[in-house]
């Protein structure tokens, strides 16, 4: 019984420490291409598989699938976008299926394994912006970050009423 518990614990631990994208996609991805190179000349990387991540800026559902606009961020050891204001720019991800805009909402972190399709000119505010475009092969949507990390998530039972009724003074 102890041996089964030990094996189960190791499996859970290893699963919790795995990369966000499947090993097959990680192996297939070209890790030598920096985002700056992709951004400057997406056409030269057409057909290559990359792993990119960042924060969702906008989502559009179409008849063909879903288009995500992502603000690029560096990825950490596990493939999660880093919490930083630094970005190499934006990129588009086309996902051939439907993604719910309430789930894949602006502000959420995302990691994408996808094939470079080229570039697309699109308005960003009042400028024309050239976006690198990836065809999604695999997506990892990250949990929302807490608004104030390091702060306890607690409530005062004297001030909070779970039923929404006002407390008498």
C-alpha atoms as a PDB file:
ATOM      1  CA  UNK A   1       0.000   0.000   0.000  1.00  0.00           C
ATOM      2  CA  UNK A   2       2.872   2.374   0.799  1.00  0.00           C
ATOM      3  CA  UNK A   3       4.457   1.618  -2.557  1.00  0.00           C
ATOM      4  CA  UNK A   4       1.228   2.501  -4.440  1.00  0.00           C
ATOM      5  CA  UNK A   5       0.949   5.749  -2.500  1.00  0.00           C
ATOM      6  CA  UNK A   6       4.580   6.590  -3.277  1.00  0.00           C
ATOM      7  CA  UNK A   7       4.135   5.878  -7.015  1.00  0.00           C
ATOM      8  CA  UNK A   8       0.924   7.937  -7.100  1.00  0.00           C
ATOM      9  CA  UNK A   9       2.662  10.823  -5.325  1.00  0.00           C
ATOM     10  CA  UNK A  10       5.593  10.786  -7.773  1.00  0.00           C
ATOM     11  CA  UNK A  11       3.228  10.725 -10.771  1.00  0.00           C
ATOM     12  CA  UNK A  12       1.245  13.688  -9.404  1.00  0.00           C
ATOM     13  CA  UNK A  13       4.456  15.581  -8.633  1.00  0.00           C
ATOM     14  CA  UNK A  14       5.922  14.976 -12.089  1.00  0.00           C
ATOM     15  CA  UNK A  15       2.657  15.897 -13.779  1.00  0.00           C
ATOM     16  CA  UNK A  16       2.532  19.168 -11.836  1.00  0.00           C
ATOM     17  CA  UNK A  17       6.070  20.016 -12.942  1.00  0.00           C
ATOM     18  CA  UNK A  18       5.574  19.345 -16.650  1.00  0.00           C
ATOM     19  CA  UNK A  19       5.752  21.880 -19.459  1.00  0.00           C
ATOM     20  CA  UNK A  20       2.495  23.539 -20.516  1.00  0.00           C
ATOM     21  CA  UNK A  21       2.612  22.163 -24.072  1.00  0.00           C
ATOM     22  CA  UNK A  22       2.790  18.455 -24.951  1.00  0.00           C
ATOM     23  CA  UNK A  23       6.243  16.891 -25.325  1.00  0.00           C
ATOM     24  CA  UNK A  24       5.517  16.101 -28.996  1.00  0.00           C
ATOM     25  CA  UNK A  25       4.885  19.772 -29.795  1.00  0.00           C
ATOM     26  CA  UNK A  26       7.881  20.923 -27.728  1.00  0.00           C
ATOM     27  CA  UNK A  27      10.105  18.507 -29.669  1.00  0.00           C
ATOM     28  CA  UNK A  28       8.684  19.693 -33.008  1.00  0.00           C
ATOM     29  CA  UNK A  29       8.988  23.427 -32.161  1.00  0.00           C
ATOM     30  CA  UNK A  30      11.899  25.525 -33.405  1.00  0.00           C
ATOM     31  CA  UNK A  31      13.397  27.085 -30.275  1.00  0.00           C
ATOM     32  CA  UNK A  32      16.098  29.020 -32.145  1.00  0.00           C
ATOM     33  CA  UNK A  33      13.798  31.753 -33.506  1.00  0.00           C
ATOM     34  CA  UNK A  34      13.484  34.803 -31.238  1.00  0.00           C
ATOM     35  CA  UNK A  35      10.187  36.700 -31.346  1.00  0.00           C
ATOM     36  CA  UNK A  36      11.948  39.829 -32.645  1.00  0.00           C
ATOM     37  CA  UNK A  37      13.074  37.910 -35.763  1.00  0.00           C
ATOM     38  CA  UNK A  38       9.557  36.530 -36.307  1.00  0.00           C
ATOM     39  CA  UNK A  39       8.047  39.979 -35.882  1.00  0.00           C
ATOM     40  CA  UNK A  40      10.442  41.595 -38.374  1.00  0.00           C
ATOM     41  CA  UNK A  41      10.041  38.941 -41.108  1.00  0.00           C
ATOM     42  CA  UNK A  42       7.229  36.413 -40.496  1.00  0.00           C
ATOM     43  CA  UNK A  43       7.171  35.259 -44.122  1.00  0.00           C
ATOM     44  CA  UNK A  44      10.661  33.729 -43.829  1.00  0.00           C
ATOM     45  CA  UNK A  45       9.474  31.426 -41.031  1.00  0.00           C
ATOM     46  CA  UNK A  46       6.322  30.156 -42.785  1.00  0.00           C
ATOM     47  CA  UNK A  47       5.578  26.529 -41.947  1.00  0.00           C
ATOM     48  CA  UNK A  48       7.771  26.425 -38.841  1.00  0.00           C
ATOM     49  CA  UNK A  49       6.275  25.432 -35.501  1.00  0.00           C
ATOM     50  CA  UNK A  50       6.869  27.848 -32.618  1.00  0.00           C
ATOM     51  CA  UNK A  51       5.819  28.104 -28.992  1.00  0.00           C
ATOM     52  CA  UNK A  52       4.819  31.630 -28.007  1.00  0.00           C
ATOM     53  CA  UNK A  53       2.872  33.123 -25.166  1.00  0.00           C
ATOM     54  CA  UNK A  54       1.521  36.289 -23.702  1.00  0.00           C
ATOM     55  CA  UNK A  55      -1.648  38.045 -22.656  1.00  0.00           C
ATOM     56  CA  UNK A  56      -4.844  37.950 -24.697  1.00  0.00           C
ATOM     57  CA  UNK A  57      -5.673  41.458 -25.937  1.00  0.00           C
ATOM     58  CA  UNK A  58      -8.675  40.682 -28.151  1.00  0.00           C
ATOM     59  CA  UNK A  59     -10.737  37.714 -29.375  1.00  0.00           C
ATOM     60  CA  UNK A  60     -12.914  37.467 -32.495  1.00  0.00           C
ATOM     61  CA  UNK A  61     -15.069  34.476 -33.405  1.00  0.00           C
ATOM     62  CA  UNK A  62     -15.718  33.943 -37.113  1.00  0.00           C
ATOM     63  CA  UNK A  63     -17.369  31.230 -39.205  1.00  0.00           C
ATOM     64  CA  UNK A  64     -13.931  29.731 -39.881  1.00  0.00           C
ATOM     65  CA  UNK A  65     -12.719  29.751 -36.246  1.00  0.00           C
ATOM     66  CA  UNK A  66     -11.364  32.084 -33.597  1.00  0.00           C
ATOM     67  CA  UNK A  67      -8.765  34.820 -33.967  1.00  0.00           C
ATOM     68  CA  UNK A  68      -6.819  35.756 -30.838  1.00  0.00           C
ATOM     69  CA  UNK A  69      -4.687  38.892 -30.615  1.00  0.00           C
ATOM     70  CA  UNK A  70      -1.911  38.304 -28.087  1.00  0.00           C
ATOM     71  CA  UNK A  71       0.578  40.700 -26.485  1.00  0.00           C
ATOM     72  CA  UNK A  72       3.805  38.681 -26.540  1.00  0.00           C
ATOM     73  CA  UNK A  73       5.616  37.925 -23.263  1.00  0.00           C
ATOM     74  CA  UNK A  74       8.668  35.791 -22.548  1.00  0.00           C
ATOM     75  CA  UNK A  75       7.903  32.295 -21.284  1.00  0.00           C
ATOM     76  CA  UNK A  76       9.234  30.869 -18.041  1.00  0.00           C
ATOM     77  CA  UNK A  77      10.663  27.376 -17.482  1.00  0.00           C
ATOM     78  CA  UNK A  78       7.179  25.777 -17.625  1.00  0.00           C
ATOM     79  CA  UNK A  79       6.028  27.745 -20.670  1.00  0.00           C
ATOM     80  CA  UNK A  80       3.931  30.238 -18.731  1.00  0.00           C
ATOM     81  CA  UNK A  81       4.014  33.903 -19.818  1.00  0.00           C
ATOM     82  CA  UNK A  82       6.075  35.941 -17.384  1.00  0.00           C
ATOM     83  CA  UNK A  83       4.429  38.687 -15.340  1.00  0.00           C
ATOM     84  CA  UNK A  84       6.136  41.669 -16.917  1.00  0.00           C
ATOM     85  CA  UNK A  85       5.375  44.826 -18.860  1.00  0.00           C
ATOM     86  CA  UNK A  86       8.055  43.929 -21.402  1.00  0.00           C
ATOM     87  CA  UNK A  87       6.783  42.713 -24.755  1.00  0.00           C
ATOM     88  CA  UNK A  88       8.227  42.182 -28.209  1.00  0.00           C
ATOM     89  CA  UNK A  89       4.939  43.234 -29.794  1.00  0.00           C
ATOM     90  CA  UNK A  90       1.741  41.454 -30.744  1.00  0.00           C
ATOM     91  CA  UNK A  91       0.857  38.380 -32.762  1.00  0.00           C
ATOM     92  CA  UNK A  92      -2.317  36.711 -33.990  1.00  0.00           C
ATOM     93  CA  UNK A  93      -3.358  33.123 -33.371  1.00  0.00           C
ATOM     94  CA  UNK A  94      -5.954  31.499 -35.585  1.00  0.00           C
ATOM     95  CA  UNK A  95      -7.690  28.565 -33.877  1.00  0.00           C
ATOM     96  CA  UNK A  96      -9.826  26.481 -36.279  1.00  0.00           C
ATOM     97  CA  UNK A  97     -12.534  25.869 -33.658  1.00  0.00           C
ATOM     98  CA  UNK A  98     -14.773  27.979 -31.475  1.00  0.00           C
ATOM     99  CA  UNK A  99     -13.286  29.476 -28.303  1.00  0.00           C
ATOM    100  CA  UNK A 100     -15.662  31.112 -25.845  1.00  0.00           C
ATOM    101  CA  UNK A 101     -14.852  34.816 -25.492  1.00  0.00           C
ATOM    102  CA  UNK A 102     -15.914  34.744 -21.826  1.00  0.00           C
ATOM    103  CA  UNK A 103     -13.293  32.094 -21.103  1.00  0.00           C
ATOM    104  CA  UNK A 104     -10.539  33.250 -23.481  1.00  0.00           C
ATOM    105  CA  UNK A 105     -11.032  36.834 -22.372  1.00  0.00           C
ATOM    106  CA  UNK A 106      -8.667  39.809 -22.578  1.00  0.00           C
ATOM    107  CA  UNK A 107      -6.126  39.801 -19.772  1.00  0.00           C
ATOM    108  CA  UNK A 108      -5.774  36.003 -19.582  1.00  0.00           C
ATOM    109  CA  UNK A 109      -2.370  34.419 -20.067  1.00  0.00           C
ATOM    110  CA  UNK A 110      -1.996  31.965 -22.923  1.00  0.00           C
ATOM    111  CA  UNK A 111       0.704  29.716 -24.374  1.00  0.00           C
ATOM    112  CA  UNK A 112       0.401  28.603 -27.996  1.00  0.00           C
ATOM    113  CA  UNK A 113       2.145  25.983 -30.075  1.00  0.00           C
ATOM    114  CA  UNK A 114       1.445  26.842 -33.682  1.00  0.00           C
ATOM    115  CA  UNK A 115       2.617  26.906 -37.245  1.00  0.00           C
ATOM    116  CA  UNK A 116       3.689  30.249 -38.708  1.00  0.00           C
ATOM    117  CA  UNK A 117       1.249  31.244 -41.470  1.00  0.00           C
ATOM    118  CA  UNK A 118       2.854  34.576 -42.394  1.00  0.00           C
ATOM    119  CA  UNK A 119       1.631  38.052 -41.494  1.00  0.00           C
ATOM    120  CA  UNK A 120      -1.527  40.131 -41.544  1.00  0.00           C
ATOM    121  CA  UNK A 121      -1.941  43.913 -41.637  1.00  0.00           C
ATOM    122  CA  UNK A 122      -4.580  45.062 -39.180  1.00  0.00           C
ATOM    123  CA  UNK A 123      -5.471  48.342 -37.485  1.00  0.00           C
ATOM    124  CA  UNK A 124      -4.134  48.802 -33.970  1.00  0.00           C
ATOM    125  CA  UNK A 125      -5.671  52.024 -32.765  1.00  0.00           C
ATOM    126  CA  UNK A 126      -4.905  54.537 -35.513  1.00  0.00           C
ATOM    127  CA  UNK A 127      -1.923  52.707 -37.024  1.00  0.00           C
ATOM    128  CA  UNK A 128      -1.581  49.765 -39.408  1.00  0.00           C
ATOM    129  CA  UNK A 129       0.216  46.995 -37.560  1.00  0.00           C
ATOM    130  CA  UNK A 130       1.865  43.956 -39.131  1.00  0.00           C
ATOM    131  CA  UNK A 131       1.027  40.908 -37.015  1.00  0.00           C
ATOM    132  CA  UNK A 132       2.814  37.564 -37.298  1.00  0.00           C
ATOM    133  CA  UNK A 133       0.086  34.891 -37.629  1.00  0.00           C
ATOM    134  CA  UNK A 134       0.206  31.411 -36.106  1.00  0.00           C
ATOM    135  CA  UNK A 135      -2.175  28.544 -36.850  1.00  0.00           C
ATOM    136  CA  UNK A 136      -2.931  27.001 -33.467  1.00  0.00           C
ATOM    137  CA  UNK A 137      -1.937  23.375 -32.936  1.00  0.00           C
ATOM    138  CA  UNK A 138      -2.157  23.447 -29.140  1.00  0.00           C
ATOM    139  CA  UNK A 139      -3.307  26.044 -26.585  1.00  0.00           C
ATOM    140  CA  UNK A 140      -2.784  26.375 -22.858  1.00  0.00           C
ATOM    141  CA  UNK A 141      -4.974  28.949 -21.109  1.00  0.00           C
ATOM    142  CA  UNK A 142      -3.605  29.997 -17.723  1.00  0.00           C
ATOM    143  CA  UNK A 143      -5.545  30.737 -14.558  1.00  0.00           C
ATOM    144  CA  UNK A 144      -6.260  34.390 -13.872  1.00  0.00           C
ATOM    145  CA  UNK A 145      -3.664  36.045 -11.682  1.00  0.00           C
ATOM    146  CA  UNK A 146      -4.865  37.354  -8.354  1.00  0.00           C
ATOM    147  CA  UNK A 147      -5.161  41.123  -8.321  1.00  0.00           C
ATOM    148  CA  UNK A 148      -2.783  41.575  -5.409  1.00  0.00           C
ATOM    149  CA  UNK A 149      -0.318  38.680  -5.197  1.00  0.00           C
ATOM    150  CA  UNK A 150       1.204  38.168  -1.795  1.00  0.00           C
ATOM    151  CA  UNK A 151      -1.874  39.557  -0.072  1.00  0.00           C
ATOM    152  CA  UNK A 152      -4.177  37.171   1.797  1.00  0.00           C
ATOM    153  CA  UNK A 153      -7.516  36.455   0.169  1.00  0.00           C
ATOM    154  CA  UNK A 154      -9.761  36.814   3.226  1.00  0.00           C
ATOM    155  CA  UNK A 155     -12.951  38.532   4.216  1.00  0.00           C
ATOM    156  CA  UNK A 156     -14.105  40.007   7.499  1.00  0.00           C
ATOM    157  CA  UNK A 157     -17.116  38.055   8.802  1.00  0.00           C
ATOM    158  CA  UNK A 158     -18.293  41.160  10.680  1.00  0.00           C
ATOM    159  CA  UNK A 159     -18.465  43.207   7.473  1.00  0.00           C
ATOM    160  CA  UNK A 160     -19.405  40.547   4.913  1.00  0.00           C
ATOM    161  CA  UNK A 161     -22.823  38.970   4.580  1.00  0.00           C
ATOM    162  CA  UNK A 162     -22.892  36.030   2.131  1.00  0.00           C
ATOM    163  CA  UNK A 163     -26.620  36.606   1.547  1.00  0.00           C
ATOM    164  CA  UNK A 164     -26.126  40.225   0.410  1.00  0.00           C
ATOM    165  CA  UNK A 165     -28.174  41.745   3.214  1.00  0.00           C
ATOM    166  CA  UNK A 166     -27.036  44.925   4.927  1.00  0.00           C
ATOM    167  CA  UNK A 167     -25.690  44.592   8.447  1.00  0.00           C
ATOM    168  CA  UNK A 168     -27.261  46.757  11.139  1.00  0.00           C
ATOM    169  CA  UNK A 169     -24.916  49.324  12.722  1.00  0.00           C
END
